[in-house]
Amino acid sequence: MSSALLRQTLTAAGCALTVAATPALASCPLERATYGDTPSGARLEFTPTGEGATVTNSFRLLLDHDMVFDGIVMWTADVSRPYGIVMNKCPEGDVTGEELSACTLWEGVIYAVDKVGDVTLLPAEGSDAPNRLLLPDLGPSLAASTAYGVDGFQNIPSDVFTQDGCQE
C-alpha cells in the first residue's frame, strides 16, 4: 500500500471513528481486551503471549459459521512497526516461507485509535487496551481468501474493531 493511500485510509478511518459513539470501558490490559465489528459480528480477542522473543501479541479472529483464525503480532526490525498476521490452519513447528504464505489470510501493520480519533501504533502487552483497532485491508484480504464463501465465513468484517470487553 502506498504511503499516500495509507494516509488517506487512516484519515478517513480517524474521521469516521471520532463520530462513532462508544461506551466507556474501565481500564483493561491489551492482552485481555476484546473487540467487535458490529456490522459483521466479527470478534477479535487478545490472549496473553507470555515470554517470547519474536511474538509480542496474540489474538483470535472469530467470524460467522464458527470460523476461528489465529493472529500474532511481531515488531518489524527496520522501521519498528507492530506487524500483524492472521492465519488459517498453519502447520506447527518450523515452517517454510511458502507454507506460511499459503496459510496467511491477512498481514499488515495494526494501528490503535484512541477515544478522540488519534491514530498510533498497537501498544505492547501490559498497556491499556486502545479504544479501537485499525487493521488496514483486513476485509478485502479475507474476502479474497479460500476461507471465504459457501463452506467458510460469509460476513466480511470491516477494518475497524471497537473495544467491547475485557476477559477475566
N, C-alpha and C. Protein backbone atom coordinates (compact mmCIF):
# COMPACT_ATOMS: atom_id res chain seq x y z
N MET A 1 0.86 -1.17 0.00
CA MET A 1 0.00 0.00 0.00
C MET A 1 0.90 1.22 0.00
N SER A 2 0.61 2.17 -0.85
CA SER A 2 1.42 3.38 -0.91
C SER A 2 1.18 4.23 0.34
N SER A 3 2.18 5.05 0.65
CA SER A 3 2.04 5.88 1.85
C SER A 3 0.90 6.88 1.71
N ALA A 4 0.65 7.38 0.49
CA ALA A 4 -0.46 8.32 0.29
C ALA A 4 -1.80 7.63 0.53
N LEU A 5 -1.94 6.41 0.03
CA LEU A 5 -3.18 5.66 0.22
C LEU A 5 -3.36 5.31 1.70
N LEU A 6 -2.26 4.93 2.37
CA LEU A 6 -2.35 4.63 3.79
C LEU A 6 -2.77 5.85 4.58
N ARG A 7 -2.21 7.04 4.27
CA ARG A 7 -2.61 8.27 4.95
C ARG A 7 -4.09 8.55 4.73
N GLN A 8 -4.57 8.35 3.50
CA GLN A 8 -6.00 8.57 3.21
C GLN A 8 -6.86 7.61 4.01
N THR A 9 -6.44 6.34 4.08
CA THR A 9 -7.20 5.34 4.83
C THR A 9 -7.25 5.71 6.31
N LEU A 10 -6.08 6.08 6.86
CA LEU A 10 -6.03 6.43 8.28
C LEU A 10 -6.83 7.69 8.57
N THR A 11 -6.77 8.68 7.68
CA THR A 11 -7.53 9.91 7.87
C THR A 11 -9.03 9.63 7.83
N ALA A 12 -9.45 8.86 6.84
CA ALA A 12 -10.87 8.53 6.73
C ALA A 12 -11.33 7.72 7.93
N ALA A 13 -10.52 6.76 8.33
CA ALA A 13 -10.89 5.94 9.49
C ALA A 13 -10.93 6.79 10.75
N GLY A 14 -9.95 7.67 10.90
CA GLY A 14 -9.92 8.53 12.08
C GLY A 14 -11.14 9.43 12.15
N CYS A 15 -11.52 9.99 11.01
CA CYS A 15 -12.71 10.85 10.98
C CYS A 15 -13.97 10.06 11.31
N ALA A 16 -14.08 8.88 10.71
CA ALA A 16 -15.27 8.06 10.97
C ALA A 16 -15.30 7.61 12.42
N LEU A 17 -14.14 7.34 12.97
CA LEU A 17 -14.09 6.84 14.34
C LEU A 17 -14.43 7.92 15.36
N THR A 18 -14.10 9.16 15.07
CA THR A 18 -14.40 10.21 16.04
C THR A 18 -15.89 10.46 16.14
N VAL A 19 -16.61 10.14 15.09
CA VAL A 19 -18.05 10.36 15.09
C VAL A 19 -18.78 9.25 15.84
N ALA A 20 -18.24 8.03 15.76
CA ALA A 20 -18.92 6.88 16.37
C ALA A 20 -18.88 6.98 17.88
N ALA A 21 -20.01 6.76 18.49
CA ALA A 21 -20.10 6.77 19.95
C ALA A 21 -19.77 5.38 20.47
N THR A 22 -19.01 5.32 21.54
CA THR A 22 -18.62 4.05 22.12
C THR A 22 -18.83 4.12 23.62
N PRO A 23 -19.32 3.04 24.23
CA PRO A 23 -19.47 3.06 25.67
C PRO A 23 -18.11 3.12 26.35
N ALA A 24 -18.04 3.81 27.48
CA ALA A 24 -16.79 3.91 28.22
C ALA A 24 -16.54 2.59 28.93
N LEU A 25 -15.32 2.05 28.78
CA LEU A 25 -14.94 0.82 29.44
C LEU A 25 -13.87 1.12 30.46
N ALA A 26 -13.88 0.36 31.55
CA ALA A 26 -12.82 0.51 32.55
C ALA A 26 -11.50 0.09 31.93
N SER A 27 -10.42 0.50 32.53
CA SER A 27 -9.10 0.15 32.05
C SER A 27 -8.96 -1.37 31.91
N CYS A 28 -8.36 -1.80 30.82
CA CYS A 28 -8.19 -3.21 30.53
C CYS A 28 -6.84 -3.39 29.85
N PRO A 29 -6.02 -4.36 30.31
CA PRO A 29 -4.75 -4.57 29.61
C PRO A 29 -5.02 -5.18 28.23
N LEU A 30 -4.21 -4.80 27.26
CA LEU A 30 -4.42 -5.24 25.89
C LEU A 30 -4.55 -6.75 25.77
N GLU A 31 -3.75 -7.51 26.51
CA GLU A 31 -3.77 -8.97 26.36
C GLU A 31 -5.06 -9.62 26.86
N ARG A 32 -5.98 -8.84 27.40
CA ARG A 32 -7.27 -9.37 27.84
C ARG A 32 -8.45 -8.69 27.12
N ALA A 33 -8.14 -7.76 26.24
CA ALA A 33 -9.18 -6.97 25.58
C ALA A 33 -9.90 -7.75 24.49
N THR A 34 -11.19 -7.44 24.33
CA THR A 34 -11.98 -8.00 23.23
C THR A 34 -12.53 -6.85 22.41
N TYR A 35 -12.64 -7.09 21.12
CA TYR A 35 -13.09 -6.07 20.18
C TYR A 35 -14.15 -6.67 19.26
N GLY A 36 -15.04 -5.83 18.78
CA GLY A 36 -16.08 -6.30 17.88
C GLY A 36 -16.25 -5.40 16.67
N ASP A 37 -16.76 -5.99 15.62
CA ASP A 37 -17.16 -5.27 14.42
C ASP A 37 -18.66 -5.52 14.28
N THR A 38 -19.46 -4.56 14.71
CA THR A 38 -20.91 -4.75 14.79
C THR A 38 -21.57 -5.18 13.48
N PRO A 39 -21.29 -4.54 12.34
CA PRO A 39 -22.00 -4.95 11.12
C PRO A 39 -21.82 -6.42 10.74
N SER A 40 -20.62 -6.95 10.92
CA SER A 40 -20.37 -8.34 10.50
C SER A 40 -20.51 -9.34 11.65
N GLY A 41 -20.47 -8.85 12.88
CA GLY A 41 -20.49 -9.74 14.03
C GLY A 41 -19.12 -10.34 14.33
N ALA A 42 -18.09 -9.91 13.63
CA ALA A 42 -16.73 -10.42 13.85
C ALA A 42 -16.22 -10.00 15.21
N ARG A 43 -15.36 -10.83 15.80
CA ARG A 43 -14.77 -10.56 17.11
C ARG A 43 -13.26 -10.71 17.00
N LEU A 44 -12.57 -9.92 17.77
CA LEU A 44 -11.12 -10.03 17.87
C LEU A 44 -10.80 -10.08 19.36
N GLU A 45 -10.17 -11.17 19.80
CA GLU A 45 -9.90 -11.38 21.23
C GLU A 45 -8.42 -11.59 21.44
N PHE A 46 -7.81 -10.71 22.24
CA PHE A 46 -6.40 -10.86 22.56
C PHE A 46 -6.22 -11.87 23.68
N THR A 47 -5.10 -12.56 23.68
CA THR A 47 -4.74 -13.51 24.72
C THR A 47 -3.30 -13.24 25.14
N PRO A 48 -2.94 -13.54 26.38
CA PRO A 48 -1.56 -13.32 26.81
C PRO A 48 -0.58 -14.15 25.97
N THR A 49 0.50 -13.53 25.56
CA THR A 49 1.51 -14.21 24.75
C THR A 49 2.55 -14.88 25.61
N GLY A 50 2.85 -14.30 26.75
CA GLY A 50 3.89 -14.85 27.60
C GLY A 50 5.25 -14.34 27.17
N GLU A 51 6.26 -15.02 27.61
CA GLU A 51 7.63 -14.61 27.30
C GLU A 51 8.02 -15.13 25.93
N GLY A 52 8.13 -14.25 24.99
CA GLY A 52 8.53 -14.64 23.65
C GLY A 52 9.44 -13.60 23.05
N ALA A 53 10.43 -14.05 22.34
CA ALA A 53 11.38 -13.12 21.75
C ALA A 53 10.83 -12.47 20.49
N THR A 54 9.97 -13.18 19.78
CA THR A 54 9.51 -12.68 18.49
C THR A 54 8.08 -12.17 18.53
N VAL A 55 7.15 -12.99 19.00
CA VAL A 55 5.73 -12.63 19.03
C VAL A 55 5.47 -11.75 20.25
N THR A 56 4.89 -10.56 20.01
CA THR A 56 4.64 -9.61 21.09
C THR A 56 3.18 -9.56 21.52
N ASN A 57 2.26 -9.99 20.67
CA ASN A 57 0.84 -10.03 20.99
C ASN A 57 0.24 -11.24 20.28
N SER A 58 -0.80 -11.82 20.89
CA SER A 58 -1.52 -12.93 20.27
C SER A 58 -3.01 -12.62 20.33
N PHE A 59 -3.74 -13.05 19.31
CA PHE A 59 -5.19 -12.83 19.28
C PHE A 59 -5.86 -13.89 18.44
N ARG A 60 -7.18 -13.94 18.56
CA ARG A 60 -8.01 -14.80 17.73
C ARG A 60 -9.01 -13.93 17.00
N LEU A 61 -9.28 -14.24 15.76
CA LEU A 61 -10.30 -13.56 14.97
C LEU A 61 -11.43 -14.55 14.79
N LEU A 62 -12.62 -14.20 15.31
CA LEU A 62 -13.78 -15.07 15.24
C LEU A 62 -14.78 -14.49 14.24
N LEU A 63 -15.14 -15.29 13.26
CA LEU A 63 -16.09 -14.87 12.24
C LEU A 63 -17.32 -15.77 12.28
N ASP A 64 -18.28 -15.48 11.42
CA ASP A 64 -19.51 -16.28 11.39
C ASP A 64 -19.20 -17.73 10.99
N HIS A 65 -20.17 -18.59 11.17
CA HIS A 65 -20.07 -20.03 10.90
C HIS A 65 -18.95 -20.67 11.72
N ASP A 66 -18.73 -20.14 12.94
CA ASP A 66 -17.76 -20.69 13.87
C ASP A 66 -16.33 -20.76 13.31
N MET A 67 -16.00 -19.84 12.45
CA MET A 67 -14.64 -19.77 11.90
C MET A 67 -13.76 -19.02 12.89
N VAL A 68 -12.64 -19.62 13.27
CA VAL A 68 -11.70 -19.01 14.21
C VAL A 68 -10.31 -19.06 13.59
N PHE A 69 -9.67 -17.90 13.52
CA PHE A 69 -8.33 -17.79 12.96
C PHE A 69 -7.37 -17.28 14.00
N ASP A 70 -6.14 -17.77 13.97
CA ASP A 70 -5.11 -17.34 14.90
C ASP A 70 -4.44 -16.08 14.37
N GLY A 71 -4.06 -15.20 15.31
CA GLY A 71 -3.35 -14.00 14.94
C GLY A 71 -2.18 -13.75 15.86
N ILE A 72 -1.12 -13.20 15.29
CA ILE A 72 0.04 -12.82 16.08
C ILE A 72 0.50 -11.44 15.64
N VAL A 73 1.27 -10.81 16.51
CA VAL A 73 1.89 -9.53 16.19
C VAL A 73 3.38 -9.65 16.48
N MET A 74 4.18 -9.23 15.51
CA MET A 74 5.63 -9.17 15.67
C MET A 74 6.07 -7.76 15.27
N TRP A 75 7.02 -7.22 15.98
CA TRP A 75 7.52 -5.89 15.63
C TRP A 75 8.60 -6.03 14.57
N THR A 76 8.48 -5.23 13.51
CA THR A 76 9.45 -5.28 12.43
C THR A 76 10.77 -4.67 12.88
N ALA A 77 11.85 -5.07 12.24
CA ALA A 77 13.18 -4.64 12.65
C ALA A 77 13.60 -3.32 12.01
N ASP A 78 13.42 -3.17 10.71
CA ASP A 78 13.92 -1.99 10.02
C ASP A 78 13.26 -0.70 10.53
N VAL A 79 11.99 -0.58 10.29
CA VAL A 79 11.20 0.52 10.82
C VAL A 79 10.24 -0.12 11.81
N SER A 80 10.40 0.17 13.07
CA SER A 80 9.67 -0.51 14.12
C SER A 80 8.15 -0.31 13.99
N ARG A 81 7.46 -1.39 13.66
CA ARG A 81 6.01 -1.38 13.48
C ARG A 81 5.42 -2.68 13.99
N PRO A 82 4.21 -2.65 14.59
CA PRO A 82 3.55 -3.90 15.01
C PRO A 82 2.91 -4.57 13.80
N TYR A 83 3.54 -5.60 13.30
CA TYR A 83 3.11 -6.28 12.09
C TYR A 83 2.26 -7.48 12.46
N GLY A 84 0.97 -7.42 12.12
CA GLY A 84 0.04 -8.48 12.45
C GLY A 84 -0.11 -9.48 11.32
N ILE A 85 -0.41 -10.72 11.70
CA ILE A 85 -0.65 -11.79 10.73
C ILE A 85 -1.85 -12.60 11.22
N VAL A 86 -2.82 -12.82 10.34
CA VAL A 86 -3.97 -13.69 10.62
C VAL A 86 -3.78 -14.95 9.79
N MET A 87 -3.82 -16.10 10.48
CA MET A 87 -3.52 -17.37 9.83
C MET A 87 -4.66 -18.36 9.96
N ASN A 88 -4.72 -19.27 8.99
CA ASN A 88 -5.73 -20.33 8.98
C ASN A 88 -5.05 -21.68 8.86
N LYS A 89 -5.07 -22.44 9.95
CA LYS A 89 -4.56 -23.81 9.96
C LYS A 89 -3.11 -23.91 9.48
N CYS A 90 -2.24 -23.06 10.03
CA CYS A 90 -0.83 -23.14 9.69
C CYS A 90 -0.22 -24.37 10.35
N PRO A 91 0.77 -24.99 9.69
CA PRO A 91 1.45 -26.13 10.32
C PRO A 91 2.22 -25.68 11.55
N GLU A 92 2.42 -26.60 12.48
CA GLU A 92 3.17 -26.32 13.71
C GLU A 92 4.67 -26.47 13.46
N GLY A 93 5.46 -25.88 14.33
CA GLY A 93 6.91 -26.04 14.28
C GLY A 93 7.56 -25.21 13.18
N ASP A 94 8.68 -25.70 12.70
CA ASP A 94 9.41 -24.99 11.65
C ASP A 94 8.61 -25.07 10.36
N VAL A 95 8.33 -23.91 9.79
CA VAL A 95 7.60 -23.86 8.53
C VAL A 95 8.41 -23.07 7.52
N THR A 96 8.22 -23.39 6.28
CA THR A 96 8.90 -22.65 5.22
C THR A 96 8.12 -21.38 4.92
N GLY A 97 8.73 -20.44 4.25
CA GLY A 97 8.05 -19.22 3.84
C GLY A 97 6.86 -19.52 2.96
N GLU A 98 6.99 -20.53 2.12
CA GLU A 98 5.91 -20.92 1.22
C GLU A 98 4.72 -21.48 2.01
N GLU A 99 5.00 -22.30 3.04
CA GLU A 99 3.93 -22.85 3.87
C GLU A 99 3.23 -21.74 4.66
N LEU A 100 4.00 -20.80 5.18
CA LEU A 100 3.42 -19.69 5.93
C LEU A 100 2.58 -18.81 5.01
N SER A 101 3.05 -18.56 3.83
CA SER A 101 2.31 -17.74 2.86
C SER A 101 0.97 -18.40 2.49
N ALA A 102 0.97 -19.72 2.37
CA ALA A 102 -0.24 -20.44 1.98
C ALA A 102 -1.33 -20.39 3.05
N CYS A 103 -0.94 -20.24 4.31
CA CYS A 103 -1.95 -20.24 5.38
C CYS A 103 -2.22 -18.84 5.93
N THR A 104 -1.59 -17.82 5.37
CA THR A 104 -1.78 -16.44 5.83
C THR A 104 -2.96 -15.80 5.10
N LEU A 105 -3.94 -15.31 5.88
CA LEU A 105 -5.12 -14.68 5.30
C LEU A 105 -4.98 -13.17 5.21
N TRP A 106 -4.26 -12.58 6.15
CA TRP A 106 -4.04 -11.13 6.17
C TRP A 106 -2.73 -10.85 6.87
N GLU A 107 -2.07 -9.78 6.46
CA GLU A 107 -0.90 -9.31 7.17
C GLU A 107 -0.77 -7.81 6.95
N GLY A 108 -0.32 -7.13 7.99
CA GLY A 108 -0.15 -5.69 7.89
C GLY A 108 0.06 -5.05 9.25
N VAL A 109 0.32 -3.76 9.24
CA VAL A 109 0.51 -3.02 10.47
C VAL A 109 -0.84 -2.85 11.18
N ILE A 110 -0.83 -2.98 12.49
CA ILE A 110 -2.05 -2.78 13.29
C ILE A 110 -1.93 -1.44 14.00
N TYR A 111 -2.96 -0.62 13.83
CA TYR A 111 -2.98 0.71 14.43
C TYR A 111 -3.99 0.76 15.58
N ALA A 112 -3.68 1.58 16.57
CA ALA A 112 -4.57 1.84 17.69
C ALA A 112 -5.20 3.21 17.48
N VAL A 113 -6.46 3.33 17.83
CA VAL A 113 -7.17 4.61 17.71
C VAL A 113 -7.78 4.93 19.07
N ASP A 114 -7.45 6.12 19.59
CA ASP A 114 -7.98 6.46 20.92
C ASP A 114 -9.36 7.09 20.81
N LYS A 115 -9.90 7.49 21.95
CA LYS A 115 -11.28 7.99 22.00
C LYS A 115 -11.51 9.27 21.21
N VAL A 116 -10.45 10.05 20.97
CA VAL A 116 -10.62 11.29 20.20
C VAL A 116 -10.23 11.11 18.74
N GLY A 117 -9.83 9.87 18.36
CA GLY A 117 -9.53 9.59 16.97
C GLY A 117 -8.06 9.68 16.60
N ASP A 118 -7.18 9.91 17.58
CA ASP A 118 -5.75 9.93 17.28
C ASP A 118 -5.28 8.52 16.98
N VAL A 119 -4.48 8.36 15.93
CA VAL A 119 -4.01 7.06 15.49
C VAL A 119 -2.55 6.89 15.88
N THR A 120 -2.25 5.76 16.55
CA THR A 120 -0.89 5.41 16.94
C THR A 120 -0.68 3.94 16.60
N LEU A 121 0.47 3.42 16.96
CA LEU A 121 0.75 2.01 16.74
C LEU A 121 0.19 1.18 17.89
N LEU A 122 -0.11 -0.09 17.63
CA LEU A 122 -0.61 -1.01 18.65
C LEU A 122 0.39 -1.06 19.80
N PRO A 123 -0.07 -0.88 21.05
CA PRO A 123 0.86 -0.93 22.17
C PRO A 123 1.24 -2.37 22.53
N ALA A 124 2.23 -2.49 23.40
CA ALA A 124 2.68 -3.80 23.87
C ALA A 124 1.72 -4.35 24.91
N GLU A 125 1.83 -5.66 25.16
CA GLU A 125 1.08 -6.26 26.25
C GLU A 125 1.39 -5.53 27.55
N GLY A 126 0.41 -5.47 28.44
CA GLY A 126 0.57 -4.77 29.70
C GLY A 126 0.10 -3.33 29.63
N SER A 127 -0.03 -2.80 28.42
CA SER A 127 -0.53 -1.44 28.23
C SER A 127 -2.05 -1.47 28.23
N ASP A 128 -2.66 -0.31 28.53
CA ASP A 128 -4.11 -0.21 28.44
C ASP A 128 -4.55 -0.47 27.00
N ALA A 129 -5.63 -1.20 26.86
CA ALA A 129 -6.15 -1.51 25.52
C ALA A 129 -6.67 -0.23 24.87
N PRO A 130 -6.34 -0.05 23.60
CA PRO A 130 -6.87 1.12 22.89
C PRO A 130 -8.37 0.98 22.65
N ASN A 131 -9.02 2.10 22.42
CA ASN A 131 -10.47 2.13 22.19
C ASN A 131 -10.85 1.37 20.92
N ARG A 132 -10.07 1.57 19.86
CA ARG A 132 -10.35 0.90 18.58
C ARG A 132 -9.06 0.42 17.95
N LEU A 133 -9.20 -0.55 17.06
CA LEU A 133 -8.08 -1.06 16.29
C LEU A 133 -8.37 -0.88 14.81
N LEU A 134 -7.35 -0.57 14.07
CA LEU A 134 -7.47 -0.45 12.62
C LEU A 134 -6.51 -1.46 11.99
N LEU A 135 -7.08 -2.39 11.23
CA LEU A 135 -6.31 -3.40 10.51
C LEU A 135 -6.55 -3.15 9.02
N PRO A 136 -5.73 -2.28 8.40
CA PRO A 136 -5.97 -1.88 7.01
C PRO A 136 -6.06 -3.07 6.05
N ASP A 137 -7.10 -3.06 5.23
CA ASP A 137 -7.36 -4.06 4.20
C ASP A 137 -7.69 -5.45 4.73
N LEU A 138 -8.07 -5.56 6.00
CA LEU A 138 -8.46 -6.86 6.55
C LEU A 138 -9.64 -7.44 5.79
N GLY A 139 -10.71 -6.67 5.65
CA GLY A 139 -11.92 -7.16 4.97
C GLY A 139 -11.65 -7.65 3.56
N PRO A 140 -11.03 -6.82 2.69
CA PRO A 140 -10.75 -7.28 1.33
C PRO A 140 -9.83 -8.50 1.27
N SER A 141 -8.85 -8.56 2.16
CA SER A 141 -7.94 -9.72 2.18
C SER A 141 -8.68 -10.99 2.55
N LEU A 142 -9.56 -10.89 3.55
CA LEU A 142 -10.33 -12.07 3.96
C LEU A 142 -11.30 -12.49 2.86
N ALA A 143 -11.90 -11.51 2.19
CA ALA A 143 -12.84 -11.83 1.11
C ALA A 143 -12.14 -12.53 -0.06
N ALA A 144 -10.87 -12.28 -0.23
CA ALA A 144 -10.10 -12.91 -1.31
C ALA A 144 -9.53 -14.26 -0.90
N SER A 145 -9.70 -14.65 0.36
CA SER A 145 -9.11 -15.90 0.85
C SER A 145 -9.98 -17.11 0.52
N THR A 146 -9.37 -18.27 0.63
CA THR A 146 -10.11 -19.52 0.39
C THR A 146 -11.03 -19.86 1.55
N ALA A 147 -10.89 -19.16 2.68
CA ALA A 147 -11.77 -19.41 3.84
C ALA A 147 -13.12 -18.72 3.68
N TYR A 148 -13.25 -17.85 2.68
CA TYR A 148 -14.49 -17.11 2.45
C TYR A 148 -15.37 -17.87 1.46
N GLY A 149 -16.67 -17.87 1.72
CA GLY A 149 -17.59 -18.46 0.76
C GLY A 149 -18.54 -19.46 1.39
N VAL A 150 -19.12 -20.27 0.56
CA VAL A 150 -20.17 -21.20 0.97
C VAL A 150 -19.72 -22.11 2.11
N ASP A 151 -18.50 -22.63 2.05
CA ASP A 151 -18.01 -23.55 3.08
C ASP A 151 -17.26 -22.84 4.21
N GLY A 152 -17.18 -21.53 4.17
CA GLY A 152 -16.46 -20.78 5.19
C GLY A 152 -17.31 -19.67 5.76
N PHE A 153 -16.67 -18.57 6.11
CA PHE A 153 -17.42 -17.43 6.63
C PHE A 153 -18.03 -16.66 5.46
N GLN A 154 -19.08 -15.90 5.76
CA GLN A 154 -19.76 -15.16 4.69
C GLN A 154 -19.92 -13.68 5.00
N ASN A 155 -19.76 -13.28 6.25
CA ASN A 155 -19.86 -11.86 6.62
C ASN A 155 -18.46 -11.27 6.71
N ILE A 156 -18.16 -10.37 5.82
CA ILE A 156 -16.82 -9.77 5.75
C ILE A 156 -16.72 -8.63 6.76
N PRO A 157 -15.73 -8.71 7.66
CA PRO A 157 -15.58 -7.64 8.65
C PRO A 157 -15.00 -6.38 8.03
N SER A 158 -15.21 -5.27 8.70
CA SER A 158 -14.57 -4.03 8.28
C SER A 158 -13.13 -4.07 8.78
N ASP A 159 -12.42 -2.98 8.61
CA ASP A 159 -11.03 -2.90 9.05
C ASP A 159 -10.93 -2.28 10.45
N VAL A 160 -12.08 -1.89 11.04
CA VAL A 160 -12.08 -1.21 12.34
C VAL A 160 -12.84 -2.06 13.36
N PHE A 161 -12.19 -2.29 14.51
CA PHE A 161 -12.78 -3.04 15.60
C PHE A 161 -12.82 -2.15 16.83
N THR A 162 -13.94 -2.16 17.57
CA THR A 162 -14.12 -1.32 18.75
C THR A 162 -14.07 -2.18 20.01
N GLN A 163 -13.33 -1.73 21.01
CA GLN A 163 -13.24 -2.49 22.25
C GLN A 163 -14.63 -2.60 22.86
N ASP A 164 -14.99 -3.82 23.23
CA ASP A 164 -16.30 -4.04 23.82
C ASP A 164 -16.26 -4.89 25.09
N GLY A 165 -15.06 -5.23 25.54
CA GLY A 165 -14.98 -6.01 26.77
C GLY A 165 -13.56 -6.28 27.21
N CYS A 166 -13.49 -6.96 28.36
CA CYS A 166 -12.21 -7.33 28.94
C CYS A 166 -12.39 -8.71 29.56
N GLN A 167 -11.58 -9.67 29.13
CA GLN A 167 -11.69 -11.04 29.63
C GLN A 167 -11.14 -11.13 31.05
N GLU A 168 -11.70 -12.03 31.81
CA GLU A 168 -11.26 -12.24 33.20
C GLU A 168 -9.89 -12.87 33.23
